[in-house]
Amino acid sequence: SLSVIQAFRDRDAGRRAADHLVLFSPAADYRFVNPEALALESRDPMLNIRQIRAAGVAWAGERELTDPMISPLFGSFEGLPPMTIFHGDRDLLLPDTLLLAQRAREAGVDVDFVQIPGGFHVHVTAIATPEARRDLAHAARVIRGG
């Protein structure tokens, strides 16, 4: 989510943004109220709603959880660079990230959404797995422009 927030800041300040955003299991809405996310909680081996809600409140500080600088789902995606998003289907952040991708597409952003069957939150950190190696290689190609 920090990459999207920085892209908002760059766009709004008239600065050149990154050529392409690569996101791994981003948090899109720190309220964590999506019923689809709540339904995934029992399948998620890494996260639980109570802990990530507390993290969201700590992250927000004095800001509202719906502030786009906290929860990018609530921002304007017009003028953002293309995005490649990697997300496991067992990650309870998935439903909100799908909404983020949809809103970005509706704003004209080219979004490549790579959903990993059986994948958990930030699955690419498990670098010994073939899925992580495959997706990190994919991300490297995107970053290199290839």
N, C-alpha and C. Protein backbone atom coordinates (compact mmCIF):
# COMPACT_ATOMS: atom_id res chain seq x y z
N SER A 1 0.81 -1.20 0.00
CA SER A 1 0.00 0.00 0.00
C SER A 1 0.86 1.26 0.00
N LEU A 2 2.07 1.18 0.56
CA LEU A 2 2.93 2.37 0.57
C LEU A 2 3.29 2.82 -0.84
N SER A 3 3.45 1.89 -1.76
CA SER A 3 3.77 2.26 -3.14
C SER A 3 2.63 3.05 -3.77
N VAL A 4 1.40 2.63 -3.51
CA VAL A 4 0.24 3.35 -4.06
C VAL A 4 0.14 4.72 -3.42
N ILE A 5 0.33 4.79 -2.11
CA ILE A 5 0.27 6.08 -1.42
C ILE A 5 1.34 7.03 -1.95
N GLN A 6 2.56 6.52 -2.19
CA GLN A 6 3.60 7.38 -2.75
C GLN A 6 3.24 7.82 -4.16
N ALA A 7 2.62 6.95 -4.93
CA ALA A 7 2.18 7.33 -6.28
C ALA A 7 1.12 8.43 -6.21
N PHE A 8 0.20 8.36 -5.24
CA PHE A 8 -0.77 9.45 -5.03
C PHE A 8 -0.03 10.75 -4.75
N ARG A 9 0.95 10.68 -3.84
CA ARG A 9 1.70 11.89 -3.45
C ARG A 9 2.46 12.47 -4.64
N ASP A 10 3.13 11.61 -5.38
CA ASP A 10 3.89 12.09 -6.54
C ASP A 10 2.96 12.76 -7.55
N ARG A 11 1.85 12.10 -7.86
CA ARG A 11 0.90 12.66 -8.83
C ARG A 11 0.38 14.00 -8.34
N ASP A 12 -0.04 14.06 -7.08
CA ASP A 12 -0.64 15.29 -6.56
C ASP A 12 0.36 16.44 -6.45
N ALA A 13 1.64 16.11 -6.31
CA ALA A 13 2.68 17.14 -6.24
C ALA A 13 3.25 17.48 -7.61
N GLY A 14 2.76 16.82 -8.65
CA GLY A 14 3.26 17.08 -9.99
C GLY A 14 4.61 16.47 -10.27
N ARG A 15 5.03 15.51 -9.44
CA ARG A 15 6.31 14.84 -9.65
C ARG A 15 6.12 13.63 -10.54
N ARG A 16 7.19 13.24 -11.18
CA ARG A 16 7.17 12.03 -11.99
C ARG A 16 7.03 10.82 -11.07
N ALA A 17 6.06 9.99 -11.35
CA ALA A 17 5.83 8.79 -10.55
C ALA A 17 6.71 7.66 -11.07
N ALA A 18 6.70 6.58 -10.34
CA ALA A 18 7.37 5.37 -10.81
C ALA A 18 6.77 4.95 -12.15
N ASP A 19 7.55 4.25 -12.94
CA ASP A 19 7.05 3.77 -14.23
C ASP A 19 6.02 2.66 -14.05
N HIS A 20 6.14 1.90 -12.97
CA HIS A 20 5.27 0.75 -12.75
C HIS A 20 5.29 0.43 -11.25
N LEU A 21 4.13 0.13 -10.68
CA LEU A 21 4.06 -0.27 -9.28
C LEU A 21 3.98 -1.79 -9.21
N VAL A 22 4.78 -2.38 -8.33
CA VAL A 22 4.74 -3.81 -8.06
C VAL A 22 4.33 -3.96 -6.60
N LEU A 23 3.18 -4.62 -6.39
CA LEU A 23 2.61 -4.73 -5.06
C LEU A 23 2.51 -6.20 -4.65
N PHE A 24 2.94 -6.48 -3.43
CA PHE A 24 2.82 -7.82 -2.87
C PHE A 24 1.85 -7.76 -1.70
N SER A 25 0.69 -8.36 -1.85
CA SER A 25 -0.32 -8.45 -0.78
C SER A 25 -0.56 -7.12 -0.08
N PRO A 26 -0.91 -6.07 -0.81
CA PRO A 26 -1.07 -4.76 -0.15
C PRO A 26 -2.32 -4.70 0.72
N ALA A 27 -2.26 -3.87 1.74
CA ALA A 27 -3.44 -3.55 2.54
C ALA A 27 -4.11 -2.36 1.88
N ALA A 28 -5.35 -2.53 1.48
CA ALA A 28 -6.05 -1.47 0.75
C ALA A 28 -6.99 -0.66 1.64
N ASP A 29 -7.56 -1.30 2.67
CA ASP A 29 -8.55 -0.65 3.53
C ASP A 29 -8.28 -1.09 4.97
N TYR A 30 -7.72 -0.18 5.77
CA TYR A 30 -7.35 -0.53 7.13
C TYR A 30 -8.53 -0.61 8.10
N ARG A 31 -9.74 -0.43 7.60
CA ARG A 31 -10.90 -0.66 8.47
C ARG A 31 -11.13 -2.16 8.66
N PHE A 32 -10.80 -2.95 7.64
CA PHE A 32 -10.99 -4.41 7.66
C PHE A 32 -12.41 -4.78 8.04
N VAL A 33 -13.35 -4.30 7.23
CA VAL A 33 -14.77 -4.57 7.47
C VAL A 33 -15.42 -5.37 6.34
N ASN A 34 -14.68 -5.67 5.30
CA ASN A 34 -15.24 -6.38 4.15
C ASN A 34 -15.69 -7.78 4.58
N PRO A 35 -16.98 -8.11 4.40
CA PRO A 35 -17.45 -9.43 4.83
C PRO A 35 -16.72 -10.58 4.12
N GLU A 36 -16.26 -10.36 2.89
CA GLU A 36 -15.51 -11.40 2.19
C GLU A 36 -14.16 -11.64 2.88
N ALA A 37 -13.55 -10.59 3.39
CA ALA A 37 -12.29 -10.75 4.13
C ALA A 37 -12.54 -11.50 5.43
N LEU A 38 -13.62 -11.16 6.10
CA LEU A 38 -13.95 -11.84 7.35
C LEU A 38 -14.14 -13.33 7.10
N ALA A 39 -14.73 -13.67 5.96
CA ALA A 39 -14.95 -15.09 5.63
C ALA A 39 -13.64 -15.82 5.35
N LEU A 40 -12.62 -15.11 4.91
CA LEU A 40 -11.32 -15.73 4.62
C LEU A 40 -10.45 -15.93 5.86
N GLU A 41 -10.82 -15.30 6.95
CA GLU A 41 -9.95 -15.32 8.13
C GLU A 41 -9.59 -16.74 8.56
N SER A 42 -10.52 -17.66 8.51
CA SER A 42 -10.23 -19.03 8.97
C SER A 42 -9.26 -19.76 8.05
N ARG A 43 -9.13 -19.31 6.80
CA ARG A 43 -8.22 -19.94 5.84
C ARG A 43 -6.84 -19.28 5.80
N ASP A 44 -6.71 -18.11 6.44
CA ASP A 44 -5.47 -17.35 6.38
C ASP A 44 -4.51 -17.82 7.47
N PRO A 45 -3.36 -18.40 7.09
CA PRO A 45 -2.43 -18.90 8.11
C PRO A 45 -1.56 -17.82 8.73
N MET A 46 -1.61 -16.59 8.22
CA MET A 46 -0.69 -15.54 8.66
C MET A 46 -1.37 -14.42 9.45
N LEU A 47 -2.58 -14.04 9.05
CA LEU A 47 -3.20 -12.83 9.58
C LEU A 47 -4.51 -13.15 10.30
N ASN A 48 -4.87 -12.27 11.24
CA ASN A 48 -6.22 -12.32 11.78
C ASN A 48 -6.74 -10.89 11.89
N ILE A 49 -8.05 -10.76 11.80
CA ILE A 49 -8.69 -9.45 11.74
C ILE A 49 -8.35 -8.59 12.95
N ARG A 50 -8.41 -9.14 14.13
CA ARG A 50 -8.16 -8.35 15.35
C ARG A 50 -6.78 -7.70 15.30
N GLN A 51 -5.77 -8.47 14.94
CA GLN A 51 -4.40 -7.94 14.92
C GLN A 51 -4.21 -6.90 13.83
N ILE A 52 -4.76 -7.15 12.66
CA ILE A 52 -4.51 -6.17 11.59
C ILE A 52 -5.37 -4.92 11.77
N ARG A 53 -6.53 -5.04 12.41
CA ARG A 53 -7.28 -3.82 12.75
C ARG A 53 -6.46 -2.97 13.72
N ALA A 54 -5.86 -3.60 14.72
CA ALA A 54 -5.02 -2.87 15.68
C ALA A 54 -3.84 -2.22 14.95
N ALA A 55 -3.25 -2.93 14.02
CA ALA A 55 -2.14 -2.36 13.24
C ALA A 55 -2.63 -1.17 12.43
N GLY A 56 -3.83 -1.26 11.87
CA GLY A 56 -4.39 -0.15 11.10
C GLY A 56 -4.60 1.08 11.94
N VAL A 57 -5.12 0.91 13.14
CA VAL A 57 -5.32 2.05 14.05
C VAL A 57 -3.98 2.67 14.41
N ALA A 58 -2.99 1.84 14.69
CA ALA A 58 -1.66 2.36 15.02
C ALA A 58 -1.05 3.09 13.82
N TRP A 59 -1.21 2.53 12.63
CA TRP A 59 -0.69 3.13 11.40
C TRP A 59 -1.34 4.48 11.16
N ALA A 60 -2.65 4.59 11.39
CA ALA A 60 -3.38 5.81 11.09
C ALA A 60 -3.03 6.95 12.04
N GLY A 61 -2.72 6.63 13.28
CA GLY A 61 -2.43 7.71 14.23
C GLY A 61 -3.62 8.64 14.35
N GLU A 62 -3.42 9.91 14.03
CA GLU A 62 -4.48 10.93 14.11
C GLU A 62 -5.41 10.92 12.90
N ARG A 63 -5.05 10.23 11.85
CA ARG A 63 -5.84 10.24 10.61
C ARG A 63 -7.01 9.25 10.69
N GLU A 64 -8.00 9.52 9.88
CA GLU A 64 -9.13 8.59 9.74
C GLU A 64 -8.66 7.37 8.96
N LEU A 65 -9.24 6.22 9.25
CA LEU A 65 -8.87 5.00 8.53
C LEU A 65 -9.26 5.06 7.05
N THR A 66 -10.17 5.95 6.69
CA THR A 66 -10.57 6.11 5.29
C THR A 66 -9.75 7.17 4.55
N ASP A 67 -8.76 7.74 5.21
CA ASP A 67 -7.85 8.69 4.55
C ASP A 67 -7.04 7.91 3.52
N PRO A 68 -7.01 8.36 2.26
CA PRO A 68 -6.24 7.63 1.24
C PRO A 68 -4.76 7.48 1.55
N MET A 69 -4.23 8.32 2.45
CA MET A 69 -2.83 8.18 2.85
C MET A 69 -2.65 7.05 3.86
N ILE A 70 -3.76 6.47 4.30
CA ILE A 70 -3.74 5.30 5.19
C ILE A 70 -4.28 4.08 4.43
N SER A 71 -5.46 4.25 3.86
CA SER A 71 -6.14 3.18 3.12
C SER A 71 -6.29 3.60 1.67
N PRO A 72 -5.38 3.17 0.80
CA PRO A 72 -5.40 3.66 -0.58
C PRO A 72 -6.68 3.33 -1.36
N LEU A 73 -7.47 2.40 -0.89
CA LEU A 73 -8.73 2.09 -1.56
C LEU A 73 -9.59 3.34 -1.74
N PHE A 74 -9.44 4.31 -0.85
CA PHE A 74 -10.28 5.51 -0.86
C PHE A 74 -9.67 6.67 -1.65
N GLY A 75 -8.57 6.42 -2.35
CA GLY A 75 -7.94 7.46 -3.14
C GLY A 75 -8.44 7.50 -4.57
N SER A 76 -7.99 8.49 -5.29
CA SER A 76 -8.28 8.62 -6.71
C SER A 76 -7.13 7.98 -7.49
N PHE A 77 -7.46 7.07 -8.37
CA PHE A 77 -6.45 6.33 -9.11
C PHE A 77 -6.12 6.95 -10.47
N GLU A 78 -6.82 8.01 -10.84
CA GLU A 78 -6.54 8.65 -12.12
C GLU A 78 -5.08 9.08 -12.18
N GLY A 79 -4.45 8.78 -13.31
CA GLY A 79 -3.09 9.21 -13.54
C GLY A 79 -2.01 8.38 -12.86
N LEU A 80 -2.38 7.27 -12.25
CA LEU A 80 -1.35 6.43 -11.63
C LEU A 80 -0.69 5.54 -12.68
N PRO A 81 0.53 5.11 -12.40
CA PRO A 81 1.22 4.22 -13.35
C PRO A 81 0.60 2.82 -13.33
N PRO A 82 0.96 2.00 -14.31
CA PRO A 82 0.49 0.60 -14.31
C PRO A 82 0.90 -0.10 -13.02
N MET A 83 0.13 -1.15 -12.68
CA MET A 83 0.39 -1.91 -11.46
C MET A 83 0.42 -3.39 -11.78
N THR A 84 1.31 -4.09 -11.11
CA THR A 84 1.27 -5.54 -11.06
C THR A 84 1.10 -5.91 -9.60
N ILE A 85 0.04 -6.67 -9.31
CA ILE A 85 -0.28 -7.03 -7.93
C ILE A 85 -0.20 -8.54 -7.79
N PHE A 86 0.56 -8.99 -6.82
CA PHE A 86 0.68 -10.42 -6.49
C PHE A 86 -0.08 -10.64 -5.18
N HIS A 87 -0.99 -11.62 -5.19
CA HIS A 87 -1.81 -11.83 -3.99
C HIS A 87 -2.25 -13.28 -3.89
N GLY A 88 -2.07 -13.86 -2.72
CA GLY A 88 -2.52 -15.21 -2.47
C GLY A 88 -4.01 -15.27 -2.22
N ASP A 89 -4.64 -16.37 -2.59
CA ASP A 89 -6.09 -16.48 -2.40
C ASP A 89 -6.48 -16.91 -0.99
N ARG A 90 -5.49 -17.15 -0.11
CA ARG A 90 -5.78 -17.45 1.30
C ARG A 90 -5.52 -16.25 2.20
N ASP A 91 -5.13 -15.14 1.61
CA ASP A 91 -4.81 -13.91 2.34
C ASP A 91 -6.10 -13.11 2.55
N LEU A 92 -6.43 -12.82 3.80
CA LEU A 92 -7.68 -12.12 4.05
C LEU A 92 -7.68 -10.68 3.53
N LEU A 93 -6.53 -10.17 3.08
CA LEU A 93 -6.49 -8.86 2.44
C LEU A 93 -6.97 -8.90 0.98
N LEU A 94 -7.12 -10.09 0.44
CA LEU A 94 -7.47 -10.26 -0.98
C LEU A 94 -8.74 -9.51 -1.41
N PRO A 95 -9.87 -9.63 -0.73
CA PRO A 95 -11.08 -8.97 -1.22
C PRO A 95 -10.92 -7.46 -1.39
N ASP A 96 -10.28 -6.80 -0.43
CA ASP A 96 -10.08 -5.35 -0.56
C ASP A 96 -9.08 -5.02 -1.66
N THR A 97 -8.09 -5.87 -1.86
CA THR A 97 -7.13 -5.63 -2.93
C THR A 97 -7.79 -5.82 -4.29
N LEU A 98 -8.70 -6.75 -4.41
CA LEU A 98 -9.47 -6.89 -5.65
C LEU A 98 -10.29 -5.63 -5.93
N LEU A 99 -10.86 -5.03 -4.88
CA LEU A 99 -11.58 -3.76 -5.05
C LEU A 99 -10.64 -2.65 -5.50
N LEU A 100 -9.45 -2.60 -4.91
CA LEU A 100 -8.46 -1.60 -5.30
C LEU A 100 -8.12 -1.76 -6.78
N ALA A 101 -7.88 -2.99 -7.22
CA ALA A 101 -7.55 -3.24 -8.62
C ALA A 101 -8.71 -2.82 -9.52
N GLN A 102 -9.93 -3.11 -9.11
CA GLN A 102 -11.10 -2.73 -9.90
C GLN A 102 -11.20 -1.21 -10.03
N ARG A 103 -11.03 -0.50 -8.92
CA ARG A 103 -11.11 0.97 -8.96
C ARG A 103 -9.99 1.57 -9.81
N ALA A 104 -8.81 0.98 -9.71
CA ALA A 104 -7.70 1.46 -10.53
C ALA A 104 -8.02 1.26 -12.02
N ARG A 105 -8.52 0.07 -12.37
CA ARG A 105 -8.89 -0.18 -13.77
C ARG A 105 -9.96 0.79 -14.25
N GLU A 106 -10.96 1.03 -13.40
CA GLU A 106 -12.03 1.97 -13.77
C GLU A 106 -11.48 3.36 -14.02
N ALA A 107 -10.36 3.69 -13.40
CA ALA A 107 -9.72 5.00 -13.58
C ALA A 107 -8.73 4.99 -14.75
N GLY A 108 -8.67 3.88 -15.47
CA GLY A 108 -7.80 3.81 -16.63
C GLY A 108 -6.41 3.28 -16.38
N VAL A 109 -6.16 2.76 -15.20
CA VAL A 109 -4.84 2.21 -14.87
C VAL A 109 -4.76 0.77 -15.39
N ASP A 110 -3.66 0.45 -16.02
CA ASP A 110 -3.42 -0.93 -16.47
C ASP A 110 -3.00 -1.74 -15.25
N VAL A 111 -3.79 -2.77 -14.91
CA VAL A 111 -3.52 -3.59 -13.73
C VAL A 111 -3.38 -5.04 -14.14
N ASP A 112 -2.25 -5.63 -13.77
CA ASP A 112 -2.03 -7.07 -13.94
C ASP A 112 -2.15 -7.67 -12.54
N PHE A 113 -3.21 -8.47 -12.33
CA PHE A 113 -3.45 -9.06 -11.01
C PHE A 113 -3.08 -10.53 -11.07
N VAL A 114 -2.07 -10.90 -10.31
CA VAL A 114 -1.59 -12.28 -10.27
C VAL A 114 -2.07 -12.89 -8.96
N GLN A 115 -3.09 -13.75 -9.06
CA GLN A 115 -3.65 -14.39 -7.87
C GLN A 115 -3.06 -15.78 -7.75
N ILE A 116 -2.51 -16.08 -6.58
CA ILE A 116 -1.79 -17.32 -6.36
C ILE A 116 -2.68 -18.30 -5.61
N PRO A 117 -3.08 -19.40 -6.26
CA PRO A 117 -3.89 -20.40 -5.57
C PRO A 117 -3.12 -20.98 -4.37
N GLY A 118 -3.75 -20.96 -3.22
CA GLY A 118 -3.12 -21.46 -2.01
C GLY A 118 -2.13 -20.50 -1.38
N GLY A 119 -1.95 -19.34 -2.00
CA GLY A 119 -0.96 -18.38 -1.51
C GLY A 119 -1.42 -17.67 -0.25
N PHE A 120 -0.48 -17.42 0.65
CA PHE A 120 -0.74 -16.72 1.90
C PHE A 120 -0.19 -15.31 1.81
N HIS A 121 -0.36 -14.54 2.88
CA HIS A 121 0.07 -13.14 2.89
C HIS A 121 1.57 -13.04 2.59
N VAL A 122 1.90 -12.24 1.59
CA VAL A 122 3.26 -12.00 1.14
C VAL A 122 3.99 -13.34 0.93
N HIS A 123 3.37 -14.19 0.15
CA HIS A 123 3.92 -15.53 -0.10
C HIS A 123 5.32 -15.50 -0.69
N VAL A 124 5.69 -14.39 -1.33
CA VAL A 124 7.01 -14.33 -1.96
C VAL A 124 8.15 -14.34 -0.95
N THR A 125 7.83 -14.15 0.33
CA THR A 125 8.89 -14.22 1.34
C THR A 125 9.30 -15.66 1.63
N ALA A 126 8.52 -16.61 1.17
CA ALA A 126 8.87 -18.04 1.33
C ALA A 126 9.69 -18.44 0.10
N ILE A 127 10.90 -17.89 0.01
CA ILE A 127 11.68 -17.99 -1.23
C ILE A 127 12.11 -19.39 -1.60
N ALA A 128 11.94 -20.33 -0.71
CA ALA A 128 12.28 -21.72 -1.05
C ALA A 128 11.18 -22.39 -1.87
N THR A 129 10.01 -21.74 -1.97
CA THR A 129 8.91 -22.36 -2.72
C THR A 129 8.99 -22.00 -4.19
N PRO A 130 8.56 -22.89 -5.07
CA PRO A 130 8.56 -22.57 -6.49
C PRO A 130 7.66 -21.38 -6.83
N GLU A 131 6.55 -21.24 -6.09
CA GLU A 131 5.64 -20.11 -6.36
C GLU A 131 6.32 -18.78 -6.07
N ALA A 132 7.03 -18.72 -4.97
CA ALA A 132 7.72 -17.47 -4.62
C ALA A 132 8.79 -17.15 -5.65
N ARG A 133 9.58 -18.14 -6.01
CA ARG A 133 10.64 -17.90 -7.01
C ARG A 133 10.04 -17.46 -8.34
N ARG A 134 8.95 -18.10 -8.75
CA ARG A 134 8.29 -17.73 -10.01
C ARG A 134 7.79 -16.29 -9.96
N ASP A 135 7.12 -15.92 -8.85
CA ASP A 135 6.53 -14.59 -8.77
C ASP A 135 7.58 -13.50 -8.57
N LEU A 136 8.66 -13.82 -7.86
CA LEU A 136 9.75 -12.85 -7.74
C LEU A 136 10.44 -12.63 -9.10
N ALA A 137 10.58 -13.68 -9.89
CA ALA A 137 11.15 -13.54 -11.23
C ALA A 137 10.22 -12.69 -12.10
N HIS A 138 8.92 -12.91 -11.98
CA HIS A 138 7.94 -12.10 -12.71
C HIS A 138 8.06 -10.64 -12.30
N ALA A 139 8.13 -10.39 -10.99
CA ALA A 139 8.27 -9.01 -10.51
C ALA A 139 9.56 -8.37 -11.03
N ALA A 140 10.63 -9.13 -11.04
CA ALA A 140 11.91 -8.61 -11.56
C ALA A 140 11.80 -8.23 -13.02
N ARG A 141 11.10 -9.04 -13.81
CA ARG A 141 10.90 -8.70 -15.23
C ARG A 141 10.12 -7.40 -15.37
N VAL A 142 9.08 -7.23 -14.55
CA VAL A 142 8.29 -6.00 -14.60
C VAL A 142 9.15 -4.81 -14.22
N ILE A 143 9.93 -4.95 -13.16
CA ILE A 143 10.77 -3.83 -12.69
C ILE A 143 11.82 -3.47 -13.74
N ARG A 144 12.36 -4.46 -14.42
CA ARG A 144 13.36 -4.21 -15.46
C ARG A 144 12.74 -3.71 -16.75
N GLY A 145 11.42 -3.76 -16.83
CA GLY A 145 10.74 -3.28 -18.04
C GLY A 145 10.67 -4.34 -19.12
N GLY A 146 10.77 -5.60 -18.73
CA GLY A 146 10.78 -6.66 -19.75
C GLY A 146 9.64 -7.58 -19.72
